[in-house]
Amino acid sequence: MGIKGKNDKMVVLACEDCKERNYTTTKNKKTNKERMELKKYCSSCKKHTVHKETK
């Protein structure tokens, strides 16, 4: 999976409850300055939780 444009960067999403890194996605750093926050399924918690962008 390649990065779409030169402004798009690959980011890692980590679960807020167990702090496990589960997902990777792309984000346009020029238009979205703040950290990404999505509600996704965590396989270790076995439920939908908030996942935040990590460094």
PDB file of N, CA and C in Angstrom:
ATOM      1  N   MET A   1       0.835  -1.166   0.000  1.00  0.00           N
ATOM      2  CA  MET A   1       0.000   0.000   0.000  1.00  0.00           C
ATOM      3  C   MET A   1       0.889   1.241   0.000  1.00  0.00           C
ATOM      4  N   GLY A   2       0.861   1.987  -1.067  1.00  0.00           N
ATOM      5  CA  GLY A   2       1.708   3.162  -1.187  1.00  0.00           C
ATOM      6  C   GLY A   2       1.033   4.397  -0.631  1.00  0.00           C
ATOM      7  N   ILE A   3       1.833   5.409  -0.447  1.00  0.00           N
ATOM      8  CA  ILE A   3       1.327   6.686   0.030  1.00  0.00           C
ATOM      9  C   ILE A   3       0.802   7.469  -1.159  1.00  0.00           C
ATOM     10  N   LYS A   4      -0.373   8.098  -1.027  1.00  0.00           N
ATOM     11  CA  LYS A   4      -1.085   8.696  -2.148  1.00  0.00           C
ATOM     12  C   LYS A   4      -0.375   9.904  -2.738  1.00  0.00           C
ATOM     13  N   GLY A   5      -0.016  10.878  -1.938  1.00  0.00           N
ATOM     14  CA  GLY A   5       0.598  12.097  -2.425  1.00  0.00           C
ATOM     15  C   GLY A   5       1.810  12.471  -1.607  1.00  0.00           C
ATOM     16  N   LYS A   6       2.484  13.560  -2.008  1.00  0.00           N
ATOM     17  CA  LYS A   6       3.682  13.923  -1.265  1.00  0.00           C
ATOM     18  C   LYS A   6       3.369  14.555   0.084  1.00  0.00           C
ATOM     19  N   ASN A   7       2.121  15.013   0.294  1.00  0.00           N
ATOM     20  CA  ASN A   7       1.718  15.568   1.585  1.00  0.00           C
ATOM     21  C   ASN A   7       1.148  14.518   2.527  1.00  0.00           C
ATOM     22  N   ASP A   8       0.843  13.325   2.015  1.00  0.00           N
ATOM     23  CA  ASP A   8       0.270  12.260   2.830  1.00  0.00           C
ATOM     24  C   ASP A   8       1.373  11.515   3.582  1.00  0.00           C
ATOM     25  N   LYS A   9       1.143  11.257   4.856  1.00  0.00           N
ATOM     26  CA  LYS A   9       2.096  10.541   5.696  1.00  0.00           C
ATOM     27  C   LYS A   9       1.401   9.352   6.340  1.00  0.00           C
ATOM     28  N   MET A  10       2.145   8.265   6.540  1.00  0.00           N
ATOM     29  CA  MET A  10       1.621   7.079   7.200  1.00  0.00           C
ATOM     30  C   MET A  10       1.618   7.322   8.707  1.00  0.00           C
ATOM     31  N   VAL A  11       0.478   7.059   9.362  1.00  0.00           N
ATOM     32  CA  VAL A  11       0.353   7.236  10.804  1.00  0.00           C
ATOM     33  C   VAL A  11      -0.110   5.924  11.438  1.00  0.00           C
ATOM     34  N   VAL A  12       0.232   5.736  12.707  1.00  0.00           N
ATOM     35  CA  VAL A  12      -0.124   4.529  13.456  1.00  0.00           C
ATOM     36  C   VAL A  12      -1.179   4.900  14.481  1.00  0.00           C
ATOM     37  N   LEU A  13      -2.225   4.065  14.600  1.00  0.00           N
ATOM     38  CA  LEU A  13      -3.293   4.292  15.567  1.00  0.00           C
ATOM     39  C   LEU A  13      -3.172   3.287  16.709  1.00  0.00           C
ATOM     40  N   ALA A  14      -3.262   3.774  17.948  1.00  0.00           N
ATOM     41  CA  ALA A  14      -3.146   2.924  19.132  1.00  0.00           C
ATOM     42  C   ALA A  14      -4.415   3.014  19.961  1.00  0.00           C
ATOM     43  N   CYS A  15      -4.778   1.902  20.567  1.00  0.00           N
ATOM     44  CA  CYS A  15      -5.973   1.821  21.412  1.00  0.00           C
ATOM     45  C   CYS A  15      -5.760   2.651  22.683  1.00  0.00           C
ATOM     46  N   GLU A  16      -6.802   3.364  23.094  1.00  0.00           N
ATOM     47  CA  GLU A  16      -6.727   4.179  24.307  1.00  0.00           C
ATOM     48  C   GLU A  16      -6.758   3.329  25.575  1.00  0.00           C
ATOM     49  N   ASP A  17      -7.452   2.199  25.542  1.00  0.00           N
ATOM     50  CA  ASP A  17      -7.592   1.363  26.742  1.00  0.00           C
ATOM     51  C   ASP A  17      -6.336   0.545  27.021  1.00  0.00           C
ATOM     52  N   CYS A  18      -5.901  -0.249  26.041  1.00  0.00           N
ATOM     53  CA  CYS A  18      -4.780  -1.173  26.272  1.00  0.00           C
ATOM     54  C   CYS A  18      -3.465  -0.674  25.674  1.00  0.00           C
ATOM     55  N   LYS A  19      -3.473   0.443  24.941  1.00  0.00           N
ATOM     56  CA  LYS A  19      -2.287   1.071  24.343  1.00  0.00           C
ATOM     57  C   LYS A  19      -1.619   0.217  23.264  1.00  0.00           C
ATOM     58  N   GLU A  20      -2.327  -0.771  22.741  1.00  0.00           N
ATOM     59  CA  GLU A  20      -1.768  -1.609  21.678  1.00  0.00           C
ATOM     60  C   GLU A  20      -1.935  -0.922  20.327  1.00  0.00           C
ATOM     61  N   ARG A  21      -0.895  -0.991  19.493  1.00  0.00           N
ATOM     62  CA  ARG A  21      -0.929  -0.383  18.165  1.00  0.00           C
ATOM     63  C   ARG A  21      -1.552  -1.374  17.194  1.00  0.00           C
ATOM     64  N   ASN A  22      -2.748  -1.039  16.676  1.00  0.00           N
ATOM     65  CA  ASN A  22      -3.518  -1.975  15.875  1.00  0.00           C
ATOM     66  C   ASN A  22      -3.604  -1.610  14.405  1.00  0.00           C
ATOM     67  N   TYR A  23      -3.667  -0.325  14.072  1.00  0.00           N
ATOM     68  CA  TYR A  23      -3.968   0.096  12.714  1.00  0.00           C
ATOM     69  C   TYR A  23      -2.953   1.093  12.190  1.00  0.00           C
ATOM     70  N   THR A  24      -2.780   1.106  10.855  1.00  0.00           N
ATOM     71  CA  THR A  24      -2.024   2.148  10.168  1.00  0.00           C
ATOM     72  C   THR A  24      -2.918   2.739   9.090  1.00  0.00           C
ATOM     73  N   THR A  25      -2.751   4.018   8.844  1.00  0.00           N
ATOM     74  CA  THR A  25      -3.537   4.705   7.836  1.00  0.00           C
ATOM     75  C   THR A  25      -2.739   5.899   7.323  1.00  0.00           C
ATOM     76  N   THR A  26      -3.245   6.570   6.294  1.00  0.00           N
ATOM     77  CA  THR A  26      -2.576   7.763   5.773  1.00  0.00           C
ATOM     78  C   THR A  26      -3.348   9.001   6.194  1.00  0.00           C
ATOM     79  N   LYS A  27      -2.609  10.121   6.267  1.00  0.00           N
ATOM     80  CA  LYS A  27      -3.212  11.378   6.682  1.00  0.00           C
ATOM     81  C   LYS A  27      -2.493  12.506   5.958  1.00  0.00           C
ATOM     82  N   ASN A  28      -3.259  13.463   5.458  1.00  0.00           N
ATOM     83  CA  ASN A  28      -2.680  14.629   4.812  1.00  0.00           C
ATOM     84  C   ASN A  28      -2.270  15.619   5.898  1.00  0.00           C
ATOM     85  N   LYS A  29      -0.966  15.797   6.093  1.00  0.00           N
ATOM     86  CA  LYS A  29      -0.456  16.641   7.170  1.00  0.00           C
ATOM     87  C   LYS A  29      -0.711  18.127   6.918  1.00  0.00           C
ATOM     88  N   LYS A  30      -0.927  18.511   5.654  1.00  0.00           N
ATOM     89  CA  LYS A  30      -1.168  19.912   5.343  1.00  0.00           C
ATOM     90  C   LYS A  30      -2.570  20.356   5.760  1.00  0.00           C
ATOM     91  N   THR A  31      -3.564  19.497   5.563  1.00  0.00           N
ATOM     92  CA  THR A  31      -4.941  19.867   5.877  1.00  0.00           C
ATOM     93  C   THR A  31      -5.345  19.460   7.288  1.00  0.00           C
ATOM     94  N   ASN A  32      -4.769  18.389   7.839  1.00  0.00           N
ATOM     95  CA  ASN A  32      -5.114  17.896   9.182  1.00  0.00           C
ATOM     96  C   ASN A  32      -3.907  18.045  10.095  1.00  0.00           C
ATOM     97  N   LYS A  33      -3.842  19.129  10.835  1.00  0.00           N
ATOM     98  CA  LYS A  33      -2.697  19.397  11.707  1.00  0.00           C
ATOM     99  C   LYS A  33      -2.786  18.624  13.023  1.00  0.00           C
ATOM    100  N   GLU A  34      -4.013  18.482  13.575  1.00  0.00           N
ATOM    101  CA  GLU A  34      -4.171  17.828  14.871  1.00  0.00           C
ATOM    102  C   GLU A  34      -4.113  16.300  14.723  1.00  0.00           C
ATOM    103  N   ARG A  35      -3.982  15.622  15.865  1.00  0.00           N
ATOM    104  CA  ARG A  35      -3.881  14.158  15.853  1.00  0.00           C
ATOM    105  C   ARG A  35      -5.219  13.517  15.522  1.00  0.00           C
ATOM    106  N   MET A  36      -5.142  12.432  14.768  1.00  0.00           N
ATOM    107  CA  MET A  36      -6.330  11.722  14.321  1.00  0.00           C
ATOM    108  C   MET A  36      -6.895  10.865  15.456  1.00  0.00           C
ATOM    109  N   GLU A  37      -8.227  10.786  15.526  1.00  0.00           N
ATOM    110  CA  GLU A  37      -8.917   9.999  16.550  1.00  0.00           C
ATOM    111  C   GLU A  37     -10.080   9.280  15.877  1.00  0.00           C
ATOM    112  N   LEU A  38     -10.050   7.945  15.891  1.00  0.00           N
ATOM    113  CA  LEU A  38     -11.099   7.149  15.259  1.00  0.00           C
ATOM    114  C   LEU A  38     -11.598   6.083  16.222  1.00  0.00           C
ATOM    115  N   LYS A  39     -12.854   5.691  16.048  1.00  0.00           N
ATOM    116  CA  LYS A  39     -13.396   4.595  16.844  1.00  0.00           C
ATOM    117  C   LYS A  39     -13.277   3.322  16.013  1.00  0.00           C
ATOM    118  N   LYS A  40     -12.422   2.383  16.459  1.00  0.00           N
ATOM    119  CA  LYS A  40     -12.133   1.157  15.725  1.00  0.00           C
ATOM    120  C   LYS A  40     -12.248  -0.038  16.672  1.00  0.00           C
ATOM    121  N   TYR A  41     -12.250  -1.246  16.078  1.00  0.00           N
ATOM    122  CA  TYR A  41     -12.319  -2.478  16.865  1.00  0.00           C
ATOM    123  C   TYR A  41     -10.921  -2.867  17.332  1.00  0.00           C
ATOM    124  N   CYS A  42     -10.775  -3.144  18.620  1.00  0.00           N
ATOM    125  CA  CYS A  42      -9.500  -3.598  19.185  1.00  0.00           C
ATOM    126  C   CYS A  42      -9.602  -5.104  19.436  1.00  0.00           C
ATOM    127  N   SER A  43      -8.695  -5.865  18.831  1.00  0.00           N
ATOM    128  CA  SER A  43      -8.744  -7.318  18.945  1.00  0.00           C
ATOM    129  C   SER A  43      -8.334  -7.807  20.336  1.00  0.00           C
ATOM    130  N   SER A  44      -7.494  -7.063  21.043  1.00  0.00           N
ATOM    131  CA  SER A  44      -7.097  -7.506  22.379  1.00  0.00           C
ATOM    132  C   SER A  44      -8.154  -7.152  23.431  1.00  0.00           C
ATOM    133  N   CYS A  45      -8.848  -6.021  23.261  1.00  0.00           N
ATOM    134  CA  CYS A  45      -9.934  -5.649  24.180  1.00  0.00           C
ATOM    135  C   CYS A  45     -11.248  -6.327  23.815  1.00  0.00           C
ATOM    136  N   LYS A  46     -11.372  -6.771  22.567  1.00  0.00           N
ATOM    137  CA  LYS A  46     -12.566  -7.427  22.040  1.00  0.00           C
ATOM    138  C   LYS A  46     -13.799  -6.502  22.057  1.00  0.00           C
ATOM    139  N   LYS A  47     -13.561  -5.203  21.777  1.00  0.00           N
ATOM    140  CA  LYS A  47     -14.662  -4.240  21.688  1.00  0.00           C
ATOM    141  C   LYS A  47     -14.208  -3.019  20.891  1.00  0.00           C
ATOM    142  N   HIS A  48     -15.154  -2.169  20.528  1.00  0.00           N
ATOM    143  CA  HIS A  48     -14.855  -0.940  19.810  1.00  0.00           C
ATOM    144  C   HIS A  48     -14.385   0.116  20.815  1.00  0.00           C
ATOM    145  N   THR A  49     -13.222   0.685  20.565  1.00  0.00           N
ATOM    146  CA  THR A  49     -12.654   1.711  21.432  1.00  0.00           C
ATOM    147  C   THR A  49     -12.110   2.842  20.575  1.00  0.00           C
ATOM    148  N   VAL A  50     -11.763   3.944  21.224  1.00  0.00           N
ATOM    149  CA  VAL A  50     -11.170   5.069  20.534  1.00  0.00           C
ATOM    150  C   VAL A  50      -9.695   4.771  20.301  1.00  0.00           C
ATOM    151  N   HIS A  51      -9.249   4.982  19.069  1.00  0.00           N
ATOM    152  CA  HIS A  51      -7.839   4.812  18.703  1.00  0.00           C
ATOM    153  C   HIS A  51      -7.282   6.181  18.333  1.00  0.00           C
ATOM    154  N   LYS A  52      -6.151   6.554  18.929  1.00  0.00           N
ATOM    155  CA  LYS A  52      -5.532   7.843  18.668  1.00  0.00           C
ATOM    156  C   LYS A  52      -4.212   7.652  17.922  1.00  0.00           C
ATOM    157  N   GLU A  53      -3.840   8.674  17.187  1.00  0.00           N
ATOM    158  CA  GLU A  53      -2.577   8.670  16.446  1.00  0.00           C
ATOM    159  C   GLU A  53      -1.399   8.743  17.426  1.00  0.00           C
ATOM    160  N   THR A  54      -0.383   7.910  17.189  1.00  0.00           N
ATOM    161  CA  THR A  54       0.805   7.914  18.033  1.00  0.00           C
ATOM    162  C   THR A  54       1.976   8.486  17.262  1.00  0.00           C
ATOM    163  N   LYS A  55       3.080   8.720  17.958  1.00  0.00           N
ATOM    164  CA  LYS A  55       4.280   9.253  17.318  1.00  0.00           C
ATOM    165  C   LYS A  55       5.011   8.180  16.541  1.00  0.00           C
TER     166      LYS A  55
END
